[in-house]
Protein backbone atom coordinates (compact mmCIF):
# COMPACT_ATOMS: atom_id res chain seq x y z
CA MET A 1 0.00 0.00 0.00
CA LYS A 2 1.74 3.15 -1.21
CA ALA A 3 -0.63 5.52 0.53
CA GLU A 4 1.35 6.77 3.51
CA ALA A 5 -0.42 7.10 6.78
CA ALA A 6 0.01 5.46 8.33
CA PHE A 7 -2.79 4.34 10.08
CA LEU A 8 -5.47 16.35 13.50
CA THR A 9 -5.83 20.87 15.43
CA LEU A 10 -2.49 22.12 16.60
CA ALA A 11 -4.15 24.15 19.35
CA LEU A 12 -5.49 20.95 20.84
CA GLY A 13 -2.31 19.02 20.13
CA PHE A 14 -0.84 19.29 23.56
CA ILE A 15 -3.59 17.52 25.47
CA SER A 16 -1.93 14.77 27.45
CA VAL A 17 -3.30 11.26 27.69
CA ASN A 18 -2.35 9.60 30.96
CA PHE A 19 -2.34 5.82 31.04
CA THR A 20 -0.21 5.45 34.16
CA GLY A 21 -1.16 2.32 36.02
CA PHE A 22 -3.16 1.01 33.06
CA CYS A 23 -1.67 -1.75 30.97
CA PHE A 24 -2.41 -4.39 28.38
CA GLY A 25 -1.03 -7.74 29.50
CA ALA A 26 2.53 -7.33 30.73
CA LEU A 27 3.00 -3.93 29.09
CA GLN A 28 3.20 -0.97 31.40
CA VAL A 29 4.01 2.72 31.42
CA GLY A 30 7.55 3.31 32.63
CA PHE A 31 8.71 -0.30 32.12
CA TYR A 32 12.35 0.77 31.75
CA ARG A 33 12.42 3.01 34.81
CA GLY A 34 15.37 1.86 36.94
CA LYS A 35 16.51 -0.74 34.40
CA CYS A 36 19.14 1.49 32.78
CA GLY A 37 20.72 3.19 35.74
CA PHE A 38 20.20 6.92 35.47
CA ALA A 39 19.50 6.77 31.73
CA ASP A 40 16.02 7.85 30.64
CA VAL A 41 15.22 5.58 27.70
CA GLU A 42 12.24 7.57 26.47
CA ALA A 43 14.15 10.86 26.65
CA ILE A 44 16.99 9.36 24.61
CA VAL A 45 14.60 8.25 21.89
CA ALA A 46 12.82 11.61 22.00
CA GLY A 47 16.11 13.42 21.35
CA VAL A 48 16.70 11.46 18.16
CA ILE A 49 13.12 11.74 16.94
CA THR A 50 12.80 15.46 17.67
CA ALA A 51 15.89 16.26 15.62
CA GLN A 52 14.67 14.07 12.76
CA PHE A 53 11.17 15.58 12.79
CA PHE A 54 12.45 19.14 12.49
CA ARG A 55 14.65 18.06 9.59
CA ASP A 56 11.77 16.27 7.89
CA PRO A 57 8.19 16.68 9.19
CA SER A 58 7.01 13.84 6.94
CA THR A 59 8.64 11.58 9.53
CA VAL A 60 5.27 11.50 11.31
CA ALA A 61 3.54 9.74 8.40
CA ALA A 62 6.48 7.39 7.91
CA LEU A 63 6.57 6.17 11.51
CA LEU A 64 2.80 5.91 11.87
CA ARG A 65 2.71 3.70 8.81
CA LEU A 66 5.71 1.66 9.93
CA GLN A 67 4.10 0.90 13.29
CA PHE A 68 0.77 0.03 11.67
CA HIS A 69 2.41 -2.33 9.16
CA ASP A 70 4.42 -3.98 11.93
CA CYS A 71 1.55 -4.49 14.37
CA PHE A 72 -0.93 -5.77 11.77
CA VAL A 73 1.20 -8.74 10.74
CA ASN A 74 2.82 -10.71 13.58
CA GLY A 75 1.81 -8.23 16.23
CA CYS A 76 3.98 -5.36 17.49
CA ASP A 77 7.25 -7.29 17.53
CA ALA A 78 9.47 -5.23 15.18
CA SER A 79 9.44 -8.06 12.63
CA ILE A 80 9.08 -5.47 9.85
CA LEU A 81 12.58 -4.17 10.64
CA VAL A 82 14.43 -7.39 9.82
CA ASP A 83 16.52 -7.47 6.64
CA GLY A 84 16.53 -10.50 4.36
CA SER A 85 15.55 -11.71 0.90
CA ASN A 86 12.17 -12.94 2.14
CA SER A 87 11.60 -10.78 5.21
CA GLU A 88 8.44 -8.73 5.81
CA LYS A 89 9.96 -5.57 4.39
CA THR A 90 10.29 -7.28 0.97
CA ALA A 91 6.51 -7.88 0.70
CA ILE A 92 4.81 -5.66 -1.88
CA PRO A 93 2.74 -3.63 0.64
CA ASN A 94 5.95 -2.82 2.54
CA LEU A 95 8.18 -1.79 -0.37
CA SER A 96 7.33 1.88 0.12
CA VAL A 97 7.47 1.80 3.93
CA ARG A 98 10.23 4.05 5.23
CA GLY A 99 11.70 5.18 8.52
CA TYR A 100 13.92 2.16 9.16
CA GLU A 101 17.05 4.27 9.50
CA ILE A 102 15.31 6.50 12.05
CA ILE A 103 14.58 3.51 14.25
CA ASP A 104 18.21 2.38 13.75
CA GLN A 105 19.43 5.76 15.03
CA ALA A 106 17.17 5.68 18.07
CA LYS A 107 18.11 2.08 18.86
CA ALA A 108 21.83 2.91 18.56
CA ALA A 109 21.46 5.83 20.97
CA VAL A 110 19.64 3.64 23.49
CA GLU A 111 22.17 0.81 23.12
CA ASN A 112 25.00 3.24 23.77
CA ALA A 113 23.43 4.19 27.11
CA CYS A 114 21.85 0.89 28.03
CA PRO A 115 23.02 -2.12 25.97
CA GLY A 116 20.85 -5.19 25.57
CA VAL A 117 17.82 -3.95 27.50
CA VAL A 118 15.45 -2.02 25.21
CA SER A 119 13.62 -3.84 22.41
CA CYS A 120 13.29 -2.56 18.87
CA ALA A 121 9.53 -3.02 19.22
CA ASP A 122 9.48 -0.56 22.10
CA VAL A 123 11.67 1.88 20.18
CA ILE A 124 9.04 1.90 17.40
CA ALA A 125 6.25 2.57 19.90
CA ILE A 126 8.13 5.35 21.70
CA ALA A 127 9.34 6.98 18.48
CA THR A 128 5.85 6.98 16.95
CA ARG A 129 4.36 8.51 20.10
CA ASP A 130 6.98 11.26 19.94
CA VAL A 131 6.28 12.23 16.31
CA VAL A 132 2.53 12.22 16.97
CA PHE A 133 3.14 14.70 19.77
CA LEU A 134 5.49 16.83 17.68
CA SER A 135 2.92 16.95 14.87
CA GLY A 136 0.22 18.28 17.18
CA GLY A 137 -1.61 15.03 17.83
CA GLY A 138 -1.35 15.07 21.62
CA ARG A 139 1.02 13.24 23.94
CA TYR A 140 -0.05 9.86 25.24
CA ASP A 141 1.79 7.67 27.74
CA VAL A 142 3.35 4.85 25.75
CA GLN A 143 3.38 1.41 27.30
CA THR A 144 6.59 -0.59 27.08
CA GLY A 145 7.85 -4.06 27.87
CA ARG A 146 7.61 -5.57 24.38
CA ARG A 147 10.19 -8.03 23.13
CA ASP A 148 11.32 -8.57 19.56
CA GLY A 149 10.03 -11.34 17.33
CA LEU A 150 12.17 -14.11 15.89
CA VAL A 151 10.24 -14.53 12.63
CA SER A 152 9.95 -12.13 9.69
CA ALA A 153 8.49 -13.58 6.50
CA ALA A 154 7.01 -11.85 3.46
CA LYS A 155 4.41 -14.60 3.15
CA ASN A 156 2.88 -13.52 6.47
CA VAL A 157 2.13 -9.99 5.24
CA SER A 158 -1.57 -9.36 4.68
CA LEU A 159 -2.65 -5.76 5.09
CA PRO A 160 -5.86 -3.86 4.32
CA GLY A 161 -5.39 -1.78 1.17
CA PRO A 162 -6.74 1.70 0.31
CA ALA A 163 -9.59 0.33 -1.84
CA ILE A 164 -10.93 -1.99 0.87
CA SER A 165 -14.64 -1.66 1.65
CA VAL A 166 -15.83 -0.41 5.03
CA PRO A 167 -17.24 -3.83 6.08
CA GLU A 168 -13.98 -5.50 5.03
CA ALA A 169 -11.96 -2.93 6.95
CA ILE A 170 -14.12 -3.40 10.04
CA ALA A 171 -13.54 -7.16 9.82
CA ALA A 172 -9.76 -6.70 9.43
CA PHE A 173 -9.51 -4.38 12.42
CA SER A 174 -11.87 -6.53 14.48
CA ASP A 175 -9.58 -9.49 13.85
CA LYS A 176 -6.89 -7.50 15.67
CA GLY A 177 -9.19 -6.70 18.58
CA LEU A 178 -10.01 -3.16 17.47
CA THR A 179 -13.51 -1.70 17.49
CA VAL A 180 -15.19 0.28 14.71
CA THR A 181 -14.56 3.52 16.58
CA GLU A 182 -10.89 2.64 17.13
CA MET A 183 -10.57 1.84 13.41
CA VAL A 184 -11.98 5.24 12.44
CA LEU A 185 -9.72 6.95 14.98
CA LEU A 186 -6.61 5.20 13.65
CA LEU A 187 -7.50 6.14 10.08
CA GLY A 188 -7.26 9.72 11.32
CA ALA A 189 -3.54 9.19 10.69
CA HIS A 190 -4.51 9.94 7.08
CA SER A 191 -4.48 13.61 8.08
CA VAL A 192 -0.77 13.33 7.25
CA GLY A 193 1.14 11.57 4.50
CA ILE A 194 0.70 11.03 0.80
CA ALA A 195 -1.05 8.77 -1.69
CA HIS A 196 0.25 7.79 -5.12
CA CYS A 197 -1.91 8.68 -8.10
CA SER A 198 -2.12 5.03 -9.11
CA PHE A 199 -4.35 4.43 -6.10
CA ILE A 200 -6.88 7.11 -6.94
CA LYS A 201 -6.93 7.22 -10.76
CA ASP A 202 -9.99 5.02 -10.92
CA ARG A 203 -11.87 7.54 -8.78
CA LEU A 204 -10.83 10.32 -11.15
CA PHE A 205 -11.44 8.77 -14.55
CA ASN A 206 -13.19 5.39 -14.44
CA PHE A 207 -14.99 4.87 -11.17
CA GLU A 208 -16.34 1.31 -10.96
CA ASN A 209 -15.81 0.98 -14.75
CA THR A 210 -18.32 3.72 -15.54
CA GLY A 211 -15.87 5.79 -17.57
CA ARG A 212 -16.69 8.71 -15.28
CA PRO A 213 -15.23 10.10 -12.03
CA ASP A 214 -16.52 9.13 -8.61
CA PRO A 215 -19.74 11.14 -8.16
CA SER A 216 -19.15 11.34 -4.40
CA MET A 217 -15.98 13.41 -4.85
CA ASP A 218 -16.11 17.19 -4.48
CA PRO A 219 -15.85 18.61 -8.05
CA PHE A 220 -13.25 21.21 -7.05
CA LEU A 221 -11.03 18.52 -5.52
CA GLU A 222 -11.61 16.33 -8.56
CA ASN A 223 -10.23 19.02 -10.88
CA ILE A 224 -7.16 19.52 -8.70
CA LEU A 225 -6.42 15.81 -8.58
CA ARG A 226 -7.02 15.24 -12.31
CA SER A 227 -4.42 17.91 -13.01
CA ARG A 228 -1.95 16.27 -10.62
CA CYS A 229 -2.75 12.75 -11.84
CA PRO A 230 -3.30 12.89 -15.63
CA PRO A 231 -4.62 9.64 -17.16
CA PHE A 232 -1.56 8.79 -19.24
CA ALA A 233 1.21 10.06 -16.98
CA THR A 234 4.51 8.17 -17.09
CA VAL A 235 5.35 9.17 -13.51
CA ASP A 236 3.27 8.03 -10.52
CA ASN A 237 2.88 11.40 -8.81
CA THR A 238 1.80 11.83 -5.21
CA VAL A 239 -0.87 13.94 -3.54
CA ASN A 240 -1.27 14.94 0.09
CA LEU A 241 -3.86 12.91 1.95
CA ASP A 242 -4.80 16.15 3.70
CA GLN A 243 -5.56 18.80 1.07
CA ASN A 244 -5.56 21.53 3.73
CA SER A 245 -2.37 23.39 2.80
CA PHE A 246 -2.06 24.73 6.36
CA SER A 247 -1.78 21.31 8.02
CA PRO A 248 -0.17 18.66 5.77
CA PHE A 249 2.01 17.48 8.67
CA THR A 250 -0.46 17.96 11.51
CA ILE A 251 -2.37 15.10 13.14
CA SER A 252 -5.83 16.61 13.57
CA ASN A 253 -9.53 15.98 13.17
CA THR A 254 -9.53 17.98 9.93
CA TYR A 255 -9.39 14.55 8.28
CA TYR A 256 -12.97 13.88 9.35
CA GLN A 257 -14.08 17.38 8.39
CA THR A 258 -12.73 16.95 4.86
CA VAL A 259 -14.35 13.52 4.57
CA MET A 260 -17.71 15.05 5.47
CA LEU A 261 -17.12 17.61 2.69
CA HIS A 262 -16.54 14.74 0.20
CA ARG A 263 -12.86 15.57 -0.02
CA GLY A 264 -11.43 12.24 1.11
CA ILE A 265 -8.55 11.15 -1.12
CA LEU A 266 -8.58 7.36 -0.81
CA GLN A 267 -11.73 5.35 -1.43
CA ILE A 268 -11.75 4.01 2.12
CA ASP A 269 -11.47 7.57 3.48
CA GLN A 270 -14.51 8.81 1.61
CA ASP A 271 -16.51 5.65 2.27
CA LEU A 272 -16.11 6.15 6.03
CA GLY A 273 -18.22 9.28 5.71
CA THR A 274 -21.04 7.65 3.77
CA ASP A 275 -21.28 4.11 5.11
CA PRO A 276 -23.93 3.88 7.87
CA LEU A 277 -21.56 1.71 9.93
CA THR A 278 -19.00 4.49 10.28
CA MET A 279 -20.68 7.78 9.30
CA PRO A 280 -21.91 8.55 12.87
CA VAL A 281 -18.37 8.12 14.23
CA VAL A 282 -16.91 10.37 11.51
CA LYS A 283 -19.51 13.06 12.21
CA ASN A 284 -18.75 12.91 15.91
CA LEU A 285 -14.98 13.17 15.41
CA ALA A 286 -15.32 16.00 12.89
CA ASN A 287 -16.66 18.17 15.72
CA ALA A 288 -14.78 16.60 18.63
CA PHE A 289 -12.60 18.68 20.94
CA ASP A 290 -11.06 15.60 22.52
CA PHE A 291 -9.68 14.02 19.35
CA PRO A 292 -6.01 14.05 20.48
CA ALA A 293 -6.86 12.09 23.63
CA ARG A 294 -9.02 9.59 21.76
CA PHE A 295 -6.41 9.13 19.03
CA GLY A 296 -3.76 8.50 21.68
CA ALA A 297 -5.92 5.85 23.33
CA ALA A 298 -6.41 4.11 19.98
CA MET A 299 -2.64 4.18 19.36
CA VAL A 300 -2.05 2.53 22.75
CA LYS A 301 -4.54 -0.19 21.78
CA LEU A 302 -2.82 -0.64 18.40
CA GLY A 303 0.56 -0.94 20.12
CA ALA A 304 -0.68 -3.81 22.28
CA ILE A 305 -1.60 -6.14 19.41
CA GLY A 306 0.08 -9.54 19.66
CA VAL A 307 2.98 -8.35 21.80
CA LEU A 308 5.72 -10.61 23.09
CA THR A 309 6.61 -10.08 26.74
CA GLY A 310 8.47 -11.74 29.60
CA THR A 311 10.80 -14.39 28.20
CA GLN A 312 9.16 -14.53 24.77
CA GLY A 313 11.19 -13.47 21.76
CA GLU A 314 14.41 -11.57 22.42
CA ILE A 315 15.99 -8.14 22.76
CA ARG A 316 17.76 -7.64 19.43
CA ARG A 317 21.22 -6.14 19.34
CA SER A 318 20.47 -4.80 15.86
CA CYS A 319 16.93 -4.10 14.72
CA ARG A 320 17.80 -5.45 11.28
CA ALA A 321 18.64 -8.99 12.36
CA THR A 322 17.65 -11.49 15.01
CA ASN A 323 20.37 -12.41 17.49
CA ARG A 324 20.32 -15.98 16.22
C-alpha cells in the first residue's frame, strides 16, 4: 500500500493522555524506569526523533505507517525491521514503507546508554508517540515491555489496502481486537502523509468501470487531482492525503471534516463518511474537541496487538537482524 499514513488541530495538540497504572497484558508505562541506571530511555529516543522531525516533518507519516504495518502482521514485535531476501519488508505492501534508518538511530542511541535492554519493538512505539506529539496530535503515555520477534516472512504480510470496503476494513480491524470507533480513529492518521496517483486514478477517470469520475468526490477537488494525476502520466505522482495546505504534517480531526465535505482522497477515506456503519463516528470526530486524547488511546490499543513479553522473543542487538 503506497498511501502513507500510516494508520489532527495544533491548538489541541498538547492535550496529554495519561495511562499510568493502566496496561495491556505485561505492558506498562515506565517499564524501563530503573533498568538502565540513570539513563532515561524515552528521553533518549525523543532526542533522536525530535531532531529528525524538524529536519523532515514527513517523519510522522512514515513512523505511523511503519508501526501500523508492523503491528498488523505478527503483532507489534518489530518483525518489519528485519533485513533478508524474504523478510516482511520485501513484501509488496511494505516496499514503500520508510523510517527504518530513524529507528536504527534511536536504537543505537539507546544501546549506547543501556546495551541489551530495550527492544526494537518498544523503540518503534516510543518513536511513533513522539512524532505524533510533535505533529500536534497530543502526547499519550506509551506502554513498554515488548520483546522482539524471531520470525519475519514476506508470506505472512496481509494488510488492508486503500480500496478496501468499510465492512472488510471493520472485519480486518476486528480481527486484531479493534472496534469500529478505534478503526476510524486510527485512520485519522490519514491527516498526514501522501497517496500515489495510481491508487486514486480510478476515482478520477473510471470509477467502478463507468468511464466517469466518482460522483461522491467534491468537483473542485476532482479538478485539482485530475491535473496532478493525468490519465496517461509516465510518472506516478503523489498527492497529500490532507488537502488543507495549512496542516499537511499535523495530526488533527480535519481529516474527518474533509471527509464530510466529500474531499477524502482514498476510497476508504470517503466511504467512512457515507457508510452507515462508520458515518456517525466520523460526524462525531469532525466536531470533537477531545480528538487528540481519543487518538492516543487508539494508538495505545494498536501498540498492544500480539505483543511478546516476559521471556518470549528476544531483545535484538540490531533491529535489522535477530540475534540468532
